[in-house]
Amino acid sequence: MTRFSRWNRAWLLRFQQQGGFQSLNSTLTWLIENARQEDLALPLRSDLVLADDRPDALIGGSGVGKTLAAKTLLLPALKAAKTCLLVLDTAAEYTGIPRISLPDIFTLKWNAVKEGTWFRFVPNENSLLADAEIAMLFQRLNSVKLEGFVANQYPSGALRRWIFVAEEAHRLIRSTAFMDFVSESRKYLRKILIITNNPGPFSQTCRVLVPPPLEELLNRKTQGES
């Protein structure tokens, strides 16, 4: 006998119906045989993210729990570790984290803030203004990261204590300033986490992660609220 949660059994039934398989076992066999190791991504875990400075990309389609995973699994660990955090909160979903304005970003002493300082930057609702704001944000960060940087010492510079979370990063792939910031992040940052529904532009630079099953995330959220 093999036990499955009702959630997983429901998904197997869906795959069985869509693929025309005769049984759940044959459905599972097909899924295993067609899951190539090089295509597999690791589930998001806070200890995995914090273990090194390589950039990570949390991927998945709409509604699979990417943001929920970041908020329920990663943020509590960052709070416990007293890391400095900046979230590019494109959809204004990270309520509870203090907002920072673009003028404040230009005047902030990044290397002098207290441990555990958190900010989120919420771009303008107008897409044209948002694009301009995000371009200025990363132009500024690309300048700040060089302050105090020491060659052959990674990470170093004014941003060495900072973790960055970039929501909806697929919207930023045409931004040269953003892509340069991501590609060189290991030199200057403690960590960057890209959240996107399109891993293609980031797969060569970032370790690819996926959210845990939505069932697990919803259970965690419920337990956290109770």
Protein backbone atom coordinates (compact mmCIF):
# COMPACT_ATOMS: atom_id res chain seq x y z
CA MET A 1 0.00 0.00 0.00
CA THR A 2 1.16 3.51 -0.81
CA ARG A 3 -0.27 6.59 0.85
CA PHE A 4 -0.75 9.90 -0.97
CA SER A 5 -2.30 13.12 0.22
CA ARG A 6 -5.64 13.91 -1.38
CA TRP A 7 -3.98 16.89 -3.04
CA ASN A 8 -1.35 14.77 -4.82
CA ARG A 9 -3.87 12.07 -5.74
CA ALA A 10 -6.09 14.71 -7.33
CA TRP A 11 -3.19 15.91 -9.47
CA LEU A 12 -2.34 12.34 -10.50
CA LEU A 13 -5.96 11.80 -11.52
CA ARG A 14 -5.82 14.96 -13.58
CA PHE A 15 -2.65 13.80 -15.35
CA GLN A 16 -4.21 10.37 -15.88
CA GLN A 17 -7.27 11.85 -17.56
CA GLN A 18 -5.26 14.27 -19.70
CA GLY A 19 -2.78 11.62 -20.82
CA GLY A 20 -5.24 8.77 -21.26
CA PHE A 21 -3.31 6.45 -18.93
CA GLN A 22 -4.97 3.25 -17.71
CA SER A 23 -4.02 3.61 -14.05
CA LEU A 24 -2.47 5.97 -11.51
CA ASN A 25 0.61 3.74 -11.41
CA SER A 26 1.17 4.04 -15.15
CA THR A 27 0.67 7.80 -14.84
CA LEU A 28 3.31 8.03 -12.11
CA THR A 29 5.69 5.81 -14.10
CA TRP A 30 5.42 8.12 -17.11
CA LEU A 31 6.06 11.21 -14.96
CA ILE A 32 9.17 9.65 -13.39
CA GLU A 33 10.60 8.42 -16.69
CA ASN A 34 10.11 11.79 -18.37
CA ALA A 35 11.53 13.93 -15.56
CA ARG A 36 15.11 14.48 -16.75
CA GLN A 37 17.53 15.26 -13.94
CA GLU A 38 18.93 18.34 -15.69
CA ASP A 39 15.44 19.81 -15.95
CA LEU A 40 14.62 19.40 -12.28
CA ALA A 41 14.64 22.41 -9.97
CA LEU A 42 15.07 22.32 -6.22
CA PRO A 43 12.22 23.29 -3.87
CA LEU A 44 12.76 26.62 -2.15
CA ARG A 45 14.30 26.25 1.31
CA SER A 46 15.59 29.08 3.45
CA ASP A 47 18.73 27.18 4.47
CA LEU A 48 19.52 26.52 0.80
CA VAL A 49 19.14 30.20 -0.11
CA LEU A 50 21.25 31.39 2.82
CA ALA A 51 23.96 28.76 2.41
CA ASP A 52 25.86 30.68 -0.28
CA ASP A 53 25.91 33.86 -2.32
CA ARG A 54 24.92 32.49 -5.72
CA PRO A 55 21.90 34.18 -7.33
CA ASP A 56 18.67 32.17 -7.16
CA ALA A 57 15.63 32.27 -9.42
CA LEU A 58 12.29 31.16 -7.98
CA ILE A 59 10.21 30.15 -10.97
CA GLY A 60 6.69 28.99 -11.77
CA GLY A 61 3.49 30.00 -13.48
CA SER A 62 0.89 32.33 -12.10
CA GLY A 63 -0.81 31.09 -8.94
CA VAL A 64 1.65 28.34 -7.99
CA GLY A 65 2.77 30.14 -4.82
CA LYS A 66 6.04 31.87 -5.68
CA THR A 67 5.39 34.98 -3.62
CA LEU A 68 3.67 32.99 -0.90
CA ALA A 69 6.74 30.73 -0.65
CA ALA A 70 9.06 33.72 -0.38
CA LYS A 71 6.92 35.30 2.33
CA THR A 72 6.24 32.18 4.42
CA LEU A 73 9.54 30.29 4.03
CA LEU A 74 12.24 32.85 3.33
CA LEU A 75 11.29 36.05 5.16
CA PRO A 76 11.07 34.46 8.65
CA ALA A 77 14.58 33.04 8.18
CA LEU A 78 15.91 36.42 7.03
CA LYS A 79 14.35 38.07 10.06
CA ALA A 80 15.94 35.54 12.39
CA ALA A 81 19.32 36.05 10.70
CA LYS A 82 18.97 39.85 11.02
CA THR A 83 19.89 40.37 7.37
CA CYS A 84 19.44 43.63 5.50
CA LEU A 85 16.74 43.28 2.86
CA LEU A 86 15.40 45.25 -0.09
CA VAL A 87 12.35 43.93 -1.95
CA LEU A 88 11.39 45.20 -5.38
CA ASP A 89 7.70 44.85 -4.60
CA THR A 90 6.22 45.30 -8.06
CA ALA A 91 2.67 44.31 -7.09
CA ALA A 92 2.74 45.80 -3.55
CA GLU A 93 2.32 42.37 -1.90
CA TYR A 94 4.87 42.61 0.92
CA THR A 95 2.78 44.57 3.38
CA GLY A 96 4.41 45.06 6.75
CA ILE A 97 7.81 45.96 5.31
CA PRO A 98 8.53 49.73 5.39
CA ARG A 99 8.42 51.42 1.99
CA ILE A 100 11.36 53.42 0.70
CA SER A 101 11.09 56.12 -1.94
CA LEU A 102 13.40 56.69 -4.87
CA PRO A 103 14.89 59.88 -3.35
CA ASP A 104 15.58 57.96 -0.14
CA ILE A 105 17.39 55.27 -2.13
CA PHE A 106 19.72 57.90 -3.56
CA THR A 107 20.58 59.28 -0.11
CA LEU A 108 20.65 56.05 1.90
CA LYS A 109 24.01 55.09 3.45
CA TRP A 110 23.79 51.41 2.51
CA ASN A 111 26.88 50.33 4.40
CA ALA A 112 25.88 52.14 7.59
CA VAL A 113 22.36 50.83 8.27
CA LYS A 114 21.68 48.62 11.28
CA GLU A 115 21.55 44.85 10.95
CA GLY A 116 18.04 43.69 10.19
CA THR A 117 17.07 46.80 8.20
CA TRP A 118 14.29 45.99 5.74
CA PHE A 119 12.83 48.09 2.95
CA ARG A 120 10.57 47.54 -0.02
CA PHE A 121 10.42 49.66 -3.12
CA VAL A 122 7.01 49.80 -4.80
CA PRO A 123 7.12 51.23 -8.34
CA ASN A 124 4.46 53.55 -9.69
CA GLU A 125 1.22 51.95 -10.84
CA ASN A 126 1.69 53.58 -14.24
CA SER A 127 3.82 51.14 -16.23
CA LEU A 128 5.78 53.84 -18.06
CA LEU A 129 6.64 55.64 -14.82
CA ALA A 130 7.42 52.32 -13.16
CA ASP A 131 9.91 51.42 -15.90
CA ALA A 132 11.65 54.76 -15.44
CA GLU A 133 11.76 54.37 -11.65
CA ILE A 134 13.16 50.84 -11.84
CA ALA A 135 15.80 51.95 -14.34
CA MET A 136 16.91 54.71 -11.95
CA LEU A 137 16.83 52.27 -9.02
CA PHE A 138 19.27 49.85 -10.60
CA GLN A 139 21.44 52.56 -12.09
CA ARG A 140 21.86 53.82 -8.54
CA LEU A 141 22.50 50.36 -7.13
CA ASN A 142 25.09 49.65 -9.81
CA SER A 143 26.90 52.75 -8.62
CA VAL A 144 26.51 52.01 -4.89
CA LYS A 145 27.81 48.45 -5.23
CA LEU A 146 31.23 49.78 -6.26
CA GLU A 147 31.63 51.86 -3.09
CA GLY A 148 34.26 50.20 -0.93
CA PHE A 149 34.56 47.21 -3.25
CA VAL A 150 37.77 45.21 -2.87
CA ALA A 151 38.88 43.01 -5.76
CA ASN A 152 39.19 39.28 -5.01
CA GLN A 153 37.11 39.67 -1.85
CA TYR A 154 33.54 38.49 -2.42
CA PRO A 155 31.12 39.86 -1.51
CA SER A 156 32.50 43.27 -0.68
CA GLY A 157 31.47 46.87 -0.98
CA ALA A 158 28.56 48.87 0.40
CA LEU A 159 25.97 46.17 -0.43
CA ARG A 160 27.82 43.16 0.96
CA ARG A 161 25.31 42.69 3.84
CA TRP A 162 22.21 43.07 1.67
CA ILE A 163 19.78 40.51 0.28
CA PHE A 164 17.63 41.57 -2.67
CA VAL A 165 14.33 40.06 -3.73
CA ALA A 166 13.10 41.09 -7.18
CA GLU A 167 9.45 40.28 -7.85
CA GLU A 168 8.14 39.79 -11.40
CA ALA A 169 11.68 39.90 -12.77
CA HIS A 170 10.48 38.77 -16.20
CA ARG A 171 9.28 42.35 -16.64
CA LEU A 172 12.86 43.59 -16.24
CA ILE A 173 14.76 41.49 -18.76
CA ARG A 174 15.06 44.42 -21.16
CA SER A 175 16.68 46.54 -18.47
CA THR A 176 20.45 46.44 -19.01
CA ALA A 177 21.01 47.95 -15.56
CA PHE A 178 18.98 45.19 -13.90
CA MET A 179 20.55 42.33 -15.86
CA ASP A 180 24.04 43.66 -15.12
CA PHE A 181 23.12 43.89 -11.44
CA VAL A 182 21.99 40.25 -11.41
CA SER A 183 24.92 38.87 -13.38
CA GLU A 184 27.50 40.45 -11.04
CA SER A 185 25.55 40.02 -7.81
CA ARG A 186 27.92 37.46 -6.24
CA LYS A 187 30.67 40.06 -6.14
CA TYR A 188 28.65 42.65 -4.29
CA LEU A 189 25.64 41.12 -2.49
CA ARG A 190 25.00 38.54 0.16
CA LYS A 191 22.22 37.15 -2.06
CA ILE A 192 19.73 38.01 -4.78
CA LEU A 193 16.49 36.09 -5.32
CA ILE A 194 14.73 36.54 -8.65
CA ILE A 195 11.02 35.69 -8.73
CA THR A 196 9.78 35.10 -12.26
CA ASN A 197 7.50 33.08 -14.52
CA ASN A 198 10.17 33.00 -17.23
CA PRO A 199 13.43 31.33 -16.14
CA GLY A 200 14.99 31.51 -19.60
CA PRO A 201 16.93 34.78 -19.25
CA PHE A 202 18.19 33.80 -15.79
CA SER A 203 18.83 30.06 -16.07
CA GLN A 204 22.49 30.48 -17.02
CA THR A 205 23.19 32.85 -14.12
CA CYS A 206 20.91 31.64 -11.33
CA ARG A 207 20.26 28.39 -9.52
CA VAL A 208 16.67 27.50 -10.34
CA LEU A 209 14.24 26.91 -7.47
CA VAL A 210 10.52 26.18 -7.38
CA PRO A 211 7.92 26.74 -4.66
CA PRO A 212 7.00 23.75 -2.49
CA PRO A 213 3.54 22.28 -3.17
CA LEU A 214 0.82 24.88 -2.74
CA GLU A 215 -0.92 22.61 -0.26
CA GLU A 216 2.10 22.82 2.05
CA LEU A 217 2.36 26.59 1.71
CA LEU A 218 -1.32 27.12 2.49
CA ASN A 219 -0.99 24.91 5.55
CA ARG A 220 1.99 26.95 6.73
CA LYS A 221 0.10 30.19 6.18
CA THR A 222 -2.89 28.89 8.12
CA GLN A 223 -0.70 27.75 11.00
CA GLY A 224 1.08 31.09 11.04
CA GLU A 225 -2.18 32.99 11.25
CA SER A 226 -3.70 30.77 13.98
